[in-house]
C-alpha atoms as a PDB file:
ATOM      1  CA  MET A   1       0.000   0.000   0.000  1.00  0.00           C
ATOM      2  CA  LYS A   2       1.016   3.644  -0.411  1.00  0.00           C
ATOM      3  CA  ALA A   3       1.622   6.041   2.467  1.00  0.00           C
ATOM      4  CA  LEU A   4       2.913   9.586   2.714  1.00  0.00           C
ATOM      5  CA  LYS A   5       6.106   9.844   4.764  1.00  0.00           C
ATOM      6  CA  ILE A   6       7.778  12.961   6.108  1.00  0.00           C
ATOM      7  CA  LEU A   7      11.508  12.227   6.156  1.00  0.00           C
ATOM      8  CA  LYS A   8      12.638  15.586   7.519  1.00  0.00           C
ATOM      9  CA  ALA A   9      11.533  19.198   7.387  1.00  0.00           C
ATOM     10  CA  GLN A  10       9.991  19.973   3.971  1.00  0.00           C
ATOM     11  CA  ASP A  11      10.791  16.520   2.630  1.00  0.00           C
ATOM     12  CA  ILE A  12       7.744  14.332   2.000  1.00  0.00           C
ATOM     13  CA  THR A  13       7.576  11.254  -0.189  1.00  0.00           C
ATOM     14  CA  THR A  14       5.342   8.312  -1.043  1.00  0.00           C
ATOM     15  CA  ALA A  15       6.417   4.982   0.434  1.00  0.00           C
ATOM     16  CA  GLU A  16       5.299   1.470  -0.432  1.00  0.00           C
ATOM     17  CA  LEU A  17       4.385  -0.540   2.661  1.00  0.00           C
ATOM     18  CA  ALA A  18       2.961  -3.978   3.342  1.00  0.00           C
ATOM     19  CA  LEU A  19      -0.799  -4.171   3.759  1.00  0.00           C
ATOM     20  CA  PRO A  20      -1.413  -4.352   7.533  1.00  0.00           C
ATOM     21  CA  GLU A  21      -3.583  -7.082   9.027  1.00  0.00           C
ATOM     22  CA  PRO A  22      -6.041  -6.286  11.843  1.00  0.00           C
ATOM     23  CA  GLY A  23      -5.929  -8.277  15.062  1.00  0.00           C
ATOM     24  CA  ASP A  24      -8.527  -8.817  17.767  1.00  0.00           C
ATOM     25  CA  GLY A  25     -10.403  -5.623  18.526  1.00  0.00           C
ATOM     26  CA  GLU A  26      -9.037  -3.898  15.442  1.00  0.00           C
ATOM     27  CA  VAL A  27     -10.484  -2.727  12.128  1.00  0.00           C
ATOM     28  CA  ARG A  28      -8.732  -2.018   8.834  1.00  0.00           C
ATOM     29  CA  LEU A  29      -9.914   1.116   7.098  1.00  0.00           C
ATOM     30  CA  ARG A  30      -9.511   2.257   3.518  1.00  0.00           C
ATOM     31  CA  VAL A  31      -8.697   5.912   4.102  1.00  0.00           C
ATOM     32  CA  THR A  32     -10.132   8.381   1.610  1.00  0.00           C
ATOM     33  CA  TYR A  33      -9.509  11.858   3.034  1.00  0.00           C
ATOM     34  CA  ALA A  34      -7.266  13.437   5.660  1.00  0.00           C
ATOM     35  CA  GLY A  35      -7.372  17.050   6.770  1.00  0.00           C
ATOM     36  CA  ILE A  36      -4.162  18.982   7.428  1.00  0.00           C
ATOM     37  CA  CYS A  37      -3.931  20.162  11.040  1.00  0.00           C
ATOM     38  CA  GLY A  38      -1.577  22.671  12.645  1.00  0.00           C
ATOM     39  CA  SER A  39       0.486  19.838  14.115  1.00  0.00           C
ATOM     40  CA  ASP A  40       0.832  18.304  10.638  1.00  0.00           C
ATOM     41  CA  LEU A  41       2.134  21.651   9.374  1.00  0.00           C
ATOM     42  CA  ASN A  42       4.713  21.754  12.152  1.00  0.00           C
ATOM     43  CA  TYR A  43       5.931  18.235  11.401  1.00  0.00           C
ATOM     44  CA  TYR A  44       6.263  19.032   7.711  1.00  0.00           C
ATOM     45  CA  PHE A  45       7.786  22.513   7.866  1.00  0.00           C
ATOM     46  CA  LYS A  46       9.819  22.190  11.086  1.00  0.00           C
ATOM     47  CA  GLY A  47      10.398  18.460  11.499  1.00  0.00           C
ATOM     48  CA  ALA A  48       8.879  18.755  14.958  1.00  0.00           C
ATOM     49  CA  ASN A  49       5.690  19.727  16.753  1.00  0.00           C
ATOM     50  CA  GLY A  50       6.747  21.636  19.847  1.00  0.00           C
ATOM     51  CA  PRO A  51       9.252  19.451  21.704  1.00  0.00           C
ATOM     52  CA  PHE A  52       8.388  16.320  19.683  1.00  0.00           C
ATOM     53  CA  GLU A  53      10.954  15.872  16.928  1.00  0.00           C
ATOM     54  CA  LEU A  54      10.694  13.355  14.116  1.00  0.00           C
ATOM     55  CA  ARG A  55      13.071  10.453  14.656  1.00  0.00           C
ATOM     56  CA  GLU A  56      11.819   8.109  11.938  1.00  0.00           C
ATOM     57  CA  PRO A  57       9.888   8.362   8.647  1.00  0.00           C
ATOM     58  CA  PHE A  58       6.501   9.648   9.687  1.00  0.00           C
ATOM     59  CA  THR A  59       2.971   9.464   8.267  1.00  0.00           C
ATOM     60  CA  PRO A  60       0.947  12.497   9.396  1.00  0.00           C
ATOM     61  CA  GLY A  61      -2.805  12.829   9.652  1.00  0.00           C
ATOM     62  CA  HIS A  62      -5.476  12.405  12.316  1.00  0.00           C
ATOM     63  CA  GLU A  63      -8.475  14.148  10.707  1.00  0.00           C
ATOM     64  CA  LEU A  64      -9.702  11.141   8.763  1.00  0.00           C
ATOM     65  CA  SER A  65     -12.555   9.634   6.838  1.00  0.00           C
ATOM     66  CA  GLY A  66     -12.858   6.434   4.856  1.00  0.00           C
ATOM     67  CA  VAL A  67     -14.669   3.136   4.692  1.00  0.00           C
ATOM     68  CA  VAL A  68     -14.288  -0.155   6.518  1.00  0.00           C
ATOM     69  CA  ASP A  69     -12.070  -2.533   4.584  1.00  0.00           C
ATOM     70  CA  LEU A  70     -11.941  -5.470   7.022  1.00  0.00           C
ATOM     71  CA  ASP A  71     -13.512  -6.004  10.443  1.00  0.00           C
ATOM     72  CA  PRO A  72     -12.557  -9.461  11.722  1.00  0.00           C
ATOM     73  CA  SER A  73     -15.389  -9.331  14.276  1.00  0.00           C
ATOM     74  CA  GLY A  74     -17.970  -9.004  11.514  1.00  0.00           C
ATOM     75  CA  LYS A  75     -19.710  -6.102  13.251  1.00  0.00           C
ATOM     76  CA  LEU A  76     -18.935  -3.579  10.512  1.00  0.00           C
ATOM     77  CA  ALA A  77     -19.528  -4.484   6.892  1.00  0.00           C
ATOM     78  CA  ALA A  78     -16.921  -3.695   4.278  1.00  0.00           C
ATOM     79  CA  GLY A  79     -17.680  -0.347   2.671  1.00  0.00           C
ATOM     80  CA  THR A  80     -19.288   1.205   5.772  1.00  0.00           C
ATOM     81  CA  PRO A  81     -18.429   4.944   5.744  1.00  0.00           C
ATOM     82  CA  VAL A  82     -16.623   6.041   8.886  1.00  0.00           C
ATOM     83  CA  THR A  83     -14.545   8.669  10.597  1.00  0.00           C
ATOM     84  CA  VAL A  84     -12.054   8.163  13.423  1.00  0.00           C
ATOM     85  CA  ALA A  85     -11.640   9.345  17.005  1.00  0.00           C
ATOM     86  CA  PRO A  86      -7.824   9.236  16.954  1.00  0.00           C
ATOM     87  CA  ALA A  87      -6.940   8.903  20.648  1.00  0.00           C
ATOM     88  CA  THR A  88      -5.921   6.016  22.835  1.00  0.00           C
ATOM     89  CA  PHE A  89      -6.133   6.616  26.566  1.00  0.00           C
ATOM     90  CA  GLY A  90      -3.752   6.266  29.472  1.00  0.00           C
ATOM     91  CA  THR A  91      -4.227   5.993  33.232  1.00  0.00           C
ATOM     92  CA  PRO A  92      -7.109   7.702  35.074  1.00  0.00           C
ATOM     93  CA  LEU A  93      -6.161  10.249  37.716  1.00  0.00           C
ATOM     94  CA  ARG A  94      -8.023  11.574  40.713  1.00  0.00           C
ATOM     95  CA  GLY A  95     -10.304  14.440  39.786  1.00  0.00           C
ATOM     96  CA  ILE A  96     -10.397  13.675  36.047  1.00  0.00           C
ATOM     97  CA  GLU A  97     -11.798  10.159  36.090  1.00  0.00           C
ATOM     98  CA  GLN A  98     -14.325  11.072  33.360  1.00  0.00           C
ATOM     99  CA  GLU A  99     -11.966  13.211  31.291  1.00  0.00           C
ATOM    100  CA  LYS A 100     -10.107  10.417  29.528  1.00  0.00           C
ATOM    101  CA  HIS A 101      -8.546  12.754  26.949  1.00  0.00           C
ATOM    102  CA  LEU A 102      -6.480  14.247  29.805  1.00  0.00           C
ATOM    103  CA  TRP A 103      -5.220  10.952  31.237  1.00  0.00           C
ATOM    104  CA  PRO A 104      -1.432  10.612  30.956  1.00  0.00           C
ATOM    105  CA  GLY A 105       0.061   7.799  28.914  1.00  0.00           C
ATOM    106  CA  GLY A 106      -2.259   7.869  25.909  1.00  0.00           C
ATOM    107  CA  SER A 107      -1.390   8.419  22.269  1.00  0.00           C
ATOM    108  CA  TYR A 108      -2.822  10.119  19.193  1.00  0.00           C
ATOM    109  CA  LEU A 109      -2.746   9.186  15.531  1.00  0.00           C
ATOM    110  CA  GLY A 110      -0.131  11.146  13.632  1.00  0.00           C
ATOM    111  CA  SER A 111       1.934  12.127  16.672  1.00  0.00           C
ATOM    112  CA  ALA A 112       5.667  11.960  17.382  1.00  0.00           C
ATOM    113  CA  ALA A 113       5.120  12.335  21.125  1.00  0.00           C
ATOM    114  CA  ASN A 114       5.947   8.639  21.517  1.00  0.00           C
ATOM    115  CA  PHE A 115       8.711   6.527  20.016  1.00  0.00           C
ATOM    116  CA  PRO A 116       8.198   4.572  17.887  1.00  0.00           C
ATOM    117  CA  HIS A 117       5.945   7.332  16.599  1.00  0.00           C
ATOM    118  CA  ARG A 118       2.189   6.852  16.349  1.00  0.00           C
ATOM    119  CA  GLN A 119       1.883   6.820  12.583  1.00  0.00           C
ATOM    120  CA  GLY A 120      -1.042   8.739  11.123  1.00  0.00           C
ATOM    121  CA  GLY A 121      -3.658   8.171   8.481  1.00  0.00           C
ATOM    122  CA  MET A 122      -2.340   9.718   5.258  1.00  0.00           C
ATOM    123  CA  ALA A 123      -2.110   6.252   3.748  1.00  0.00           C
ATOM    124  CA  GLU A 124      -4.215   3.916   1.667  1.00  0.00           C
ATOM    125  CA  TYR A 125      -5.048   1.690   4.628  1.00  0.00           C
ATOM    126  CA  LEU A 126      -4.968   2.117   8.393  1.00  0.00           C
ATOM    127  CA  ILE A 127      -5.440  -0.206  11.361  1.00  0.00           C
ATOM    128  CA  VAL A 128      -7.334   1.305  14.296  1.00  0.00           C
ATOM    129  CA  SER A 129      -8.879  -0.050  17.485  1.00  0.00           C
ATOM    130  CA  ASP A 130     -12.572  -0.747  17.043  1.00  0.00           C
ATOM    131  CA  TYR A 131     -13.549   1.806  19.722  1.00  0.00           C
ATOM    132  CA  MET A 132     -11.988   4.568  17.583  1.00  0.00           C
ATOM    133  CA  VAL A 133     -14.356   3.980  14.648  1.00  0.00           C
ATOM    134  CA  ARG A 134     -17.434   6.175  14.193  1.00  0.00           C
ATOM    135  CA  VAL A 135     -19.990   5.327  11.507  1.00  0.00           C
ATOM    136  CA  VAL A 136     -21.138   8.442   9.661  1.00  0.00           C
ATOM    137  CA  PRO A 137     -24.801   9.049   8.774  1.00  0.00           C
ATOM    138  CA  ASP A 138     -26.307   8.269   5.399  1.00  0.00           C
ATOM    139  CA  GLY A 139     -25.900  11.148   3.008  1.00  0.00           C
ATOM    140  CA  MET A 140     -22.797  12.636   4.610  1.00  0.00           C
ATOM    141  CA  GLY A 141     -19.959  12.844   2.110  1.00  0.00           C
ATOM    142  CA  LEU A 142     -16.582  11.539   3.176  1.00  0.00           C
ATOM    143  CA  VAL A 143     -14.931  14.911   2.571  1.00  0.00           C
ATOM    144  CA  THR A 144     -17.300  16.417   5.143  1.00  0.00           C
ATOM    145  CA  ALA A 145     -16.735  13.471   7.488  1.00  0.00           C
ATOM    146  CA  ALA A 146     -13.031  14.368   7.658  1.00  0.00           C
ATOM    147  CA  LEU A 147     -14.106  17.490   9.590  1.00  0.00           C
ATOM    148  CA  ALA A 148     -15.477  15.491  12.527  1.00  0.00           C
ATOM    149  CA  GLU A 149     -12.195  15.514  14.471  1.00  0.00           C
ATOM    150  CA  PRO A 150     -11.373  19.234  14.187  1.00  0.00           C
ATOM    151  CA  LEU A 151     -15.021  20.145  14.807  1.00  0.00           C
ATOM    152  CA  ALA A 152     -14.869  18.010  17.958  1.00  0.00           C
ATOM    153  CA  VAL A 153     -11.929  20.160  19.112  1.00  0.00           C
ATOM    154  CA  ALA A 154     -14.082  23.245  18.575  1.00  0.00           C
ATOM    155  CA  LEU A 155     -17.018  21.712  20.434  1.00  0.00           C
ATOM    156  CA  ARG A 156     -14.757  20.803  23.348  1.00  0.00           C
ATOM    157  CA  ALA A 157     -13.999  24.514  23.706  1.00  0.00           C
ATOM    158  CA  HIS A 158     -17.761  25.117  23.887  1.00  0.00           C
ATOM    159  CA  THR A 159     -18.029  22.461  26.585  1.00  0.00           C
ATOM    160  CA  VAL A 160     -15.254  24.001  28.660  1.00  0.00           C
ATOM    161  CA  VAL A 161     -16.927  27.430  28.756  1.00  0.00           C
ATOM    162  CA  GLY A 162     -20.332  25.984  29.619  1.00  0.00           C
ATOM    163  CA  GLY A 163     -22.010  26.573  26.258  1.00  0.00           C
ATOM    164  CA  VAL A 164     -22.491  29.512  23.915  1.00  0.00           C
ATOM    165  CA  ALA A 165     -26.282  29.849  23.575  1.00  0.00           C
ATOM    166  CA  GLY A 166     -27.332  33.459  24.143  1.00  0.00           C
ATOM    167  CA  GLN A 167     -23.722  34.630  24.558  1.00  0.00           C
ATOM    168  CA  ARG A 168     -21.791  37.401  22.804  1.00  0.00           C
ATOM    169  CA  VAL A 169     -18.832  35.491  21.381  1.00  0.00           C
ATOM    170  CA  LEU A 170     -15.500  36.728  20.066  1.00  0.00           C
ATOM    171  CA  VAL A 171     -13.276  34.294  18.169  1.00  0.00           C
ATOM    172  CA  SER A 172      -9.660  35.475  18.008  1.00  0.00           C
ATOM    173  CA  GLY A 173      -7.879  33.880  15.056  1.00  0.00           C
ATOM    174  CA  SER A 174      -9.864  32.776  12.016  1.00  0.00           C
ATOM    175  CA  GLY A 175      -7.855  29.799  10.862  1.00  0.00           C
ATOM    176  CA  PRO A 176      -9.622  26.435  10.474  1.00  0.00           C
ATOM    177  CA  ILE A 177     -10.188  25.816  14.198  1.00  0.00           C
ATOM    178  CA  GLY A 178     -11.308  29.389  14.782  1.00  0.00           C
ATOM    179  CA  LEU A 179     -13.716  29.130  11.867  1.00  0.00           C
ATOM    180  CA  LEU A 180     -15.145  25.887  13.247  1.00  0.00           C
ATOM    181  CA  VAL A 181     -15.514  27.395  16.730  1.00  0.00           C
ATOM    182  CA  ALA A 182     -17.364  30.313  15.151  1.00  0.00           C
ATOM    183  CA  ALA A 183     -19.547  28.249  12.805  1.00  0.00           C
ATOM    184  CA  ALA A 184     -20.584  25.957  15.643  1.00  0.00           C
ATOM    185  CA  ALA A 185     -21.372  28.971  17.848  1.00  0.00           C
ATOM    186  CA  VAL A 186     -23.629  30.367  15.114  1.00  0.00           C
ATOM    187  CA  VAL A 187     -25.694  27.181  14.822  1.00  0.00           C
ATOM    188  CA  ARG A 188     -25.729  26.642  18.601  1.00  0.00           C
ATOM    189  CA  GLY A 189     -27.521  29.901  19.220  1.00  0.00           C
ATOM    190  CA  ALA A 190     -24.935  32.475  20.252  1.00  0.00           C
ATOM    191  CA  GLU A 191     -26.422  35.979  20.431  1.00  0.00           C
ATOM    192  CA  SER A 192     -23.583  37.240  18.253  1.00  0.00           C
ATOM    193  CA  VAL A 193     -20.359  35.829  16.843  1.00  0.00           C
ATOM    194  CA  THR A 194     -17.532  38.225  16.025  1.00  0.00           C
ATOM    195  CA  CYS A 195     -14.361  36.955  14.354  1.00  0.00           C
ATOM    196  CA  LEU A 196     -10.972  38.655  14.622  1.00  0.00           C
ATOM    197  CA  ASP A 197      -7.903  38.173  12.455  1.00  0.00           C
ATOM    198  CA  MET A 198      -4.963  40.082  10.996  1.00  0.00           C
ATOM    199  CA  LEU A 199      -5.931  39.183   7.413  1.00  0.00           C
ATOM    200  CA  ALA A 200      -9.013  40.039   5.397  1.00  0.00           C
ATOM    201  CA  GLU A 201      -9.379  36.665   3.636  1.00  0.00           C
ATOM    202  CA  PRO A 202     -10.050  34.529   6.754  1.00  0.00           C
ATOM    203  CA  LEU A 203     -12.603  37.101   7.867  1.00  0.00           C
ATOM    204  CA  GLU A 204     -14.431  36.764   4.557  1.00  0.00           C
ATOM    205  CA  ARG A 205     -14.646  33.024   5.208  1.00  0.00           C
ATOM    206  CA  ALA A 206     -16.002  33.747   8.684  1.00  0.00           C
ATOM    207  CA  LYS A 207     -18.749  35.926   7.200  1.00  0.00           C
ATOM    208  CA  ALA A 208     -19.657  33.136   4.771  1.00  0.00           C
ATOM    209  CA  LEU A 209     -20.050  30.782   7.738  1.00  0.00           C
ATOM    210  CA  GLY A 210     -22.462  33.146   9.460  1.00  0.00           C
ATOM    211  CA  ALA A 211     -20.309  35.415  11.633  1.00  0.00           C
ATOM    212  CA  THR A 212     -22.244  38.450  12.814  1.00  0.00           C
ATOM    213  CA  ALA A 213     -19.281  40.819  12.558  1.00  0.00           C
ATOM    214  CA  THR A 214     -15.540  40.834  11.913  1.00  0.00           C
ATOM    215  CA  ILE A 215     -12.561  42.778  13.250  1.00  0.00           C
ATOM    216  CA  GLN A 216      -9.344  43.134  11.258  1.00  0.00           C
ATOM    217  CA  LEU A 217      -6.396  43.926  13.495  1.00  0.00           C
ATOM    218  CA  GLY A 218      -4.557  47.057  12.472  1.00  0.00           C
ATOM    219  CA  ILE A 219      -7.643  48.468  10.784  1.00  0.00           C
ATOM    220  CA  ASP A 220     -10.524  48.038  13.226  1.00  0.00           C
ATOM    221  CA  GLU A 221     -10.640  48.757  16.953  1.00  0.00           C
ATOM    222  CA  VAL A 222     -11.185  45.840  19.317  1.00  0.00           C
ATOM    223  CA  PRO A 223     -13.927  46.921  21.743  1.00  0.00           C
ATOM    224  CA  GLU A 224     -13.101  46.461  25.410  1.00  0.00           C
ATOM    225  CA  GLU A 225     -15.345  44.490  27.794  1.00  0.00           C
ATOM    226  CA  ALA A 226     -17.803  43.790  24.957  1.00  0.00           C
ATOM    227  CA  PHE A 227     -17.948  39.963  24.918  1.00  0.00           C
ATOM    228  CA  ASP A 228     -19.206  37.313  27.295  1.00  0.00           C
ATOM    229  CA  ILE A 229     -16.845  34.656  25.918  1.00  0.00           C
ATOM    230  CA  VAL A 230     -13.601  34.999  23.982  1.00  0.00           C
ATOM    231  CA  PHE A 231     -12.139  31.934  22.267  1.00  0.00           C
ATOM    232  CA  GLU A 232      -8.442  32.612  21.650  1.00  0.00           C
ATOM    233  CA  CYS A 233      -7.620  30.387  18.687  1.00  0.00           C
ATOM    234  CA  SER A 234      -4.485  31.992  17.255  1.00  0.00           C
ATOM    235  CA  GLY A 235      -1.968  30.830  19.849  1.00  0.00           C
ATOM    236  CA  ALA A 236      -0.208  34.207  19.666  1.00  0.00           C
ATOM    237  CA  PRO A 237       0.793  35.513  23.134  1.00  0.00           C
ATOM    238  CA  SER A 238      -0.149  39.073  22.210  1.00  0.00           C
ATOM    239  CA  ALA A 239      -3.645  37.848  21.376  1.00  0.00           C
ATOM    240  CA  VAL A 240      -4.106  36.695  24.974  1.00  0.00           C
ATOM    241  CA  THR A 241      -3.719  40.272  26.178  1.00  0.00           C
ATOM    242  CA  THR A 242      -6.244  41.427  23.580  1.00  0.00           C
ATOM    243  CA  ALA A 243      -8.685  38.683  24.618  1.00  0.00           C
ATOM    244  CA  LEU A 244      -8.451  39.635  28.297  1.00  0.00           C
ATOM    245  CA  LYS A 245      -9.246  43.249  27.410  1.00  0.00           C
ATOM    246  CA  ALA A 246     -12.135  42.318  25.120  1.00  0.00           C
ATOM    247  CA  VAL A 247     -13.985  40.067  27.569  1.00  0.00           C
ATOM    248  CA  ARG A 248     -16.553  41.576  29.916  1.00  0.00           C
ATOM    249  CA  ARG A 249     -16.245  41.590  33.684  1.00  0.00           C
ATOM    250  CA  GLN A 250     -16.654  38.035  35.014  1.00  0.00           C
ATOM    251  CA  GLY A 251     -16.532  36.802  31.433  1.00  0.00           C
ATOM    252  CA  THR A 252     -14.561  33.810  30.159  1.00  0.00           C
ATOM    253  CA  VAL A 253     -11.484  33.575  27.953  1.00  0.00           C
ATOM    254  CA  CYS A 254     -10.858  30.086  26.561  1.00  0.00           C
ATOM    255  CA  GLN A 255      -7.376  29.303  25.239  1.00  0.00           C
ATOM    256  CA  VAL A 256      -7.902  27.075  22.204  1.00  0.00           C
ATOM    257  CA  GLY A 257      -4.782  27.874  20.160  1.00  0.00           C
ATOM    258  CA  THR A 258      -1.543  26.267  21.319  1.00  0.00           C
ATOM    259  CA  LEU A 259       0.758  28.795  22.969  1.00  0.00           C
ATOM    260  CA  PRO A 260       4.560  28.545  22.709  1.00  0.00           C
ATOM    261  CA  ASN A 261       6.168  26.322  25.339  1.00  0.00           C
ATOM    262  CA  ALA A 262       8.130  29.281  26.698  1.00  0.00           C
ATOM    263  CA  GLU A 263       7.858  32.281  28.962  1.00  0.00           C
ATOM    264  CA  VAL A 264       5.955  34.920  27.006  1.00  0.00           C
ATOM    265  CA  PRO A 265       4.853  38.468  27.864  1.00  0.00           C
ATOM    266  CA  VAL A 266       1.122  38.667  28.635  1.00  0.00           C
ATOM    267  CA  ASN A 267      -0.640  41.512  30.439  1.00  0.00           C
ATOM    268  CA  LEU A 268      -2.763  39.816  33.112  1.00  0.00           C
ATOM    269  CA  ALA A 269      -3.707  42.931  35.079  1.00  0.00           C
ATOM    270  CA  SER A 270      -7.337  42.947  33.947  1.00  0.00           C
ATOM    271  CA  LEU A 271      -7.789  39.273  34.849  1.00  0.00           C
ATOM    272  CA  GLU A 272      -7.879  40.123  38.555  1.00  0.00           C
ATOM    273  CA  ILE A 273      -9.732  43.402  38.239  1.00  0.00           C
ATOM    274  CA  LYS A 274     -12.540  41.934  36.137  1.00  0.00           C
ATOM    275  CA  GLU A 275     -12.637  38.519  37.863  1.00  0.00           C
ATOM    276  CA  THR A 276     -12.063  36.958  34.457  1.00  0.00           C
ATOM    277  CA  ARG A 277     -12.147  33.189  34.102  1.00  0.00           C
ATOM    278  CA  TYR A 278      -9.220  32.069  31.905  1.00  0.00           C
ATOM    279  CA  VAL A 279      -9.421  28.388  30.951  1.00  0.00           C
ATOM    280  CA  GLY A 280      -7.633  26.046  28.579  1.00  0.00           C
ATOM    281  CA  THR A 281      -8.990  23.316  26.343  1.00  0.00           C
ATOM    282  CA  PHE A 282      -7.194  20.265  24.918  1.00  0.00           C
ATOM    283  CA  ARG A 283      -8.357  18.049  22.061  1.00  0.00           C
ATOM    284  CA  PHE A 284     -11.718  16.544  23.077  1.00  0.00           C
ATOM    285  CA  ASN A 285     -13.394  13.883  25.187  1.00  0.00           C
ATOM    286  CA  ASP A 286     -16.563  12.514  23.542  1.00  0.00           C
ATOM    287  CA  GLU A 287     -17.415  15.584  21.490  1.00  0.00           C
ATOM    288  CA  ILE A 288     -16.712  13.818  18.203  1.00  0.00           C
ATOM    289  CA  ASP A 289     -20.131  12.170  18.464  1.00  0.00           C
ATOM    290  CA  ASP A 290     -21.748  15.604  18.768  1.00  0.00           C
ATOM    291  CA  ALA A 291     -19.602  16.821  15.873  1.00  0.00           C
ATOM    292  CA  ILE A 292     -20.927  14.111  13.551  1.00  0.00           C
ATOM    293  CA  VAL A 293     -24.515  15.007  14.460  1.00  0.00           C
ATOM    294  CA  LEU A 294     -23.841  18.721  13.959  1.00  0.00           C
ATOM    295  CA  LEU A 295     -22.257  18.140  10.538  1.00  0.00           C
ATOM    296  CA  ALA A 296     -25.274  16.080   9.494  1.00  0.00           C
ATOM    297  CA  GLU A 297     -27.729  18.739  10.677  1.00  0.00           C
ATOM    298  CA  HIS A 298     -25.710  21.703   9.395  1.00  0.00           C
ATOM    299  CA  PRO A 299     -23.766  20.671   6.282  1.00  0.00           C
ATOM    300  CA  GLU A 300     -22.973  24.347   5.668  1.00  0.00           C
ATOM    301  CA  ILE A 301     -20.226  24.003   8.302  1.00  0.00           C
ATOM    302  CA  ALA A 302     -18.248  22.103   5.664  1.00  0.00           C
ATOM    303  CA  GLY A 303     -17.783  25.462   3.961  1.00  0.00           C
ATOM    304  CA  VAL A 304     -14.634  25.758   6.066  1.00  0.00           C
ATOM    305  CA  ILE A 305     -13.007  23.397   3.527  1.00  0.00           C
ATOM    306  CA  THR A 306     -11.461  25.458   0.735  1.00  0.00           C
ATOM    307  CA  HIS A 307      -9.146  22.947  -0.966  1.00  0.00           C
ATOM    308  CA  VAL A 308      -9.095  19.210  -1.656  1.00  0.00           C
ATOM    309  CA  LEU A 309      -5.766  18.197  -3.193  1.00  0.00           C
ATOM    310  CA  PRO A 310      -4.530  14.724  -4.197  1.00  0.00           C
ATOM    311  CA  ALA A 311      -1.792  12.915  -2.291  1.00  0.00           C
ATOM    312  CA  GLU A 312       0.469  13.304  -5.311  1.00  0.00           C
ATOM    313  CA  GLN A 313       0.422  17.050  -4.546  1.00  0.00           C
ATOM    314  CA  ALA A 314       1.089  16.690  -0.836  1.00  0.00           C
ATOM    315  CA  ALA A 315       3.866  19.303  -0.708  1.00  0.00           C
ATOM    316  CA  GLU A 316       1.587  21.797  -2.435  1.00  0.00           C
ATOM    317  CA  ALA A 317      -1.251  20.912  -0.064  1.00  0.00           C
ATOM    318  CA  PHE A 318       0.926  21.686   2.964  1.00  0.00           C
ATOM    319  CA  ALA A 319       2.095  24.956   1.408  1.00  0.00           C
ATOM    320  CA  VAL A 320      -1.478  26.051   0.697  1.00  0.00           C
ATOM    321  CA  ALA A 321      -2.632  25.031   4.189  1.00  0.00           C
ATOM    322  CA  ARG A 322       0.126  27.153   5.727  1.00  0.00           C
ATOM    323  CA  ASP A 323      -1.089  30.308   3.976  1.00  0.00           C
ATOM    324  CA  SER A 324      -4.316  31.491   5.601  1.00  0.00           C
ATOM    325  CA  SER A 325      -4.652  34.206   2.975  1.00  0.00           C
ATOM    326  CA  LYS A 326      -5.280  31.405   0.471  1.00  0.00           C
ATOM    327  CA  SER A 327      -6.986  28.656   2.444  1.00  0.00           C
ATOM    328  CA  GLY A 328      -9.261  27.570   5.233  1.00  0.00           C
ATOM    329  CA  LYS A 329      -9.192  23.840   5.863  1.00  0.00           C
ATOM    330  CA  VAL A 330      -7.138  21.861   3.334  1.00  0.00           C
ATOM    331  CA  VAL A 331      -7.949  18.178   2.838  1.00  0.00           C
ATOM    332  CA  VAL A 332      -5.728  15.590   1.168  1.00  0.00           C
ATOM    333  CA  SER A 333      -7.448  13.078  -1.093  1.00  0.00           C
ATOM    334  CA  LEU A 334      -5.776   9.699  -0.651  1.00  0.00           C
ATOM    335  CA  TRP A 335      -5.291   7.181  -3.414  1.00  0.00           C
ATOM    336  CA  THR A 336      -8.388   5.218  -2.398  1.00  0.00           C
ATOM    337  CA  ALA A 337     -10.802   8.146  -2.781  1.00  0.00           C
ATOM    338  CA  ALA A 338     -13.392   7.666  -5.512  1.00  0.00           C
ATOM    339  CA  PRO A 339     -15.657  10.113  -7.348  1.00  0.00           C
ATOM    340  CA  GLY A 340     -18.673  10.866  -5.176  1.00  0.00           C
ATOM    341  CA  ASP A 341     -16.908  10.272  -1.872  1.00  0.00           C
END
């Protein structure tokens, strides 16, 4: 079978591998589509994602869709359309017994956090544990189904803040995750959804997904104390200061974007004065099931996808995905994708 392999920074190739065989409790999938995530971009352009450096040829990808190829248990018929919850889970800890995504010792598809690395899904075929498989509803295209994982990340942010219905929401950073946070807030009944970014093009995409208003940094003023909830999705330290100023007194700032693993200057003075709640969010727990339902009920959310490029153009796909002036979510079409998927 074919699989994309990152050999080092900005060096990606197609490898020929043996077809894997599923064991007990496993399912073999024929992967059709894989979205490019921020961590995938880091592995490709930097050869590392944060402290996790590539130490062997690496297949990226954890935003997946495809069909069942072989389920030894017989529970899932060949050809069943599916998406994947890409986490395995570690050891429960006191206080987070129900939050399995936070348990230490787990792993994630397409991650170099462990060695040997947890290879990802940008390949013709993939073996996953049966509990990772999610059947997608009739009528949902497999391109749309590849959004289930990143939408689940967005919905986890909603969970952490206690919901968005009736709230004045600001989304800081209008890349793919920011757009999904915003689009989900629109359909979940936020009073208003304002999107902020440095570039005009991502803000145009936000408007197309239903954003009430947009703010372009450097051109528009960011109103102070105007929002009940601010989702900081850019991961830029300076944006944290802006978010803390923009949130109302006793409002909530949710850190969705990954901040640098370093000491960074952030003005926290207003956090105390306004009794602001500043919370983080990480991946997701069970929100992928809600994400699948939301995508089925609101297919317009798939408008976040701007490009679908074939695996043969993987380097171009990564370059396009890196440039938010050109793209929202970029999806790679694997060799097994067929017309109509």
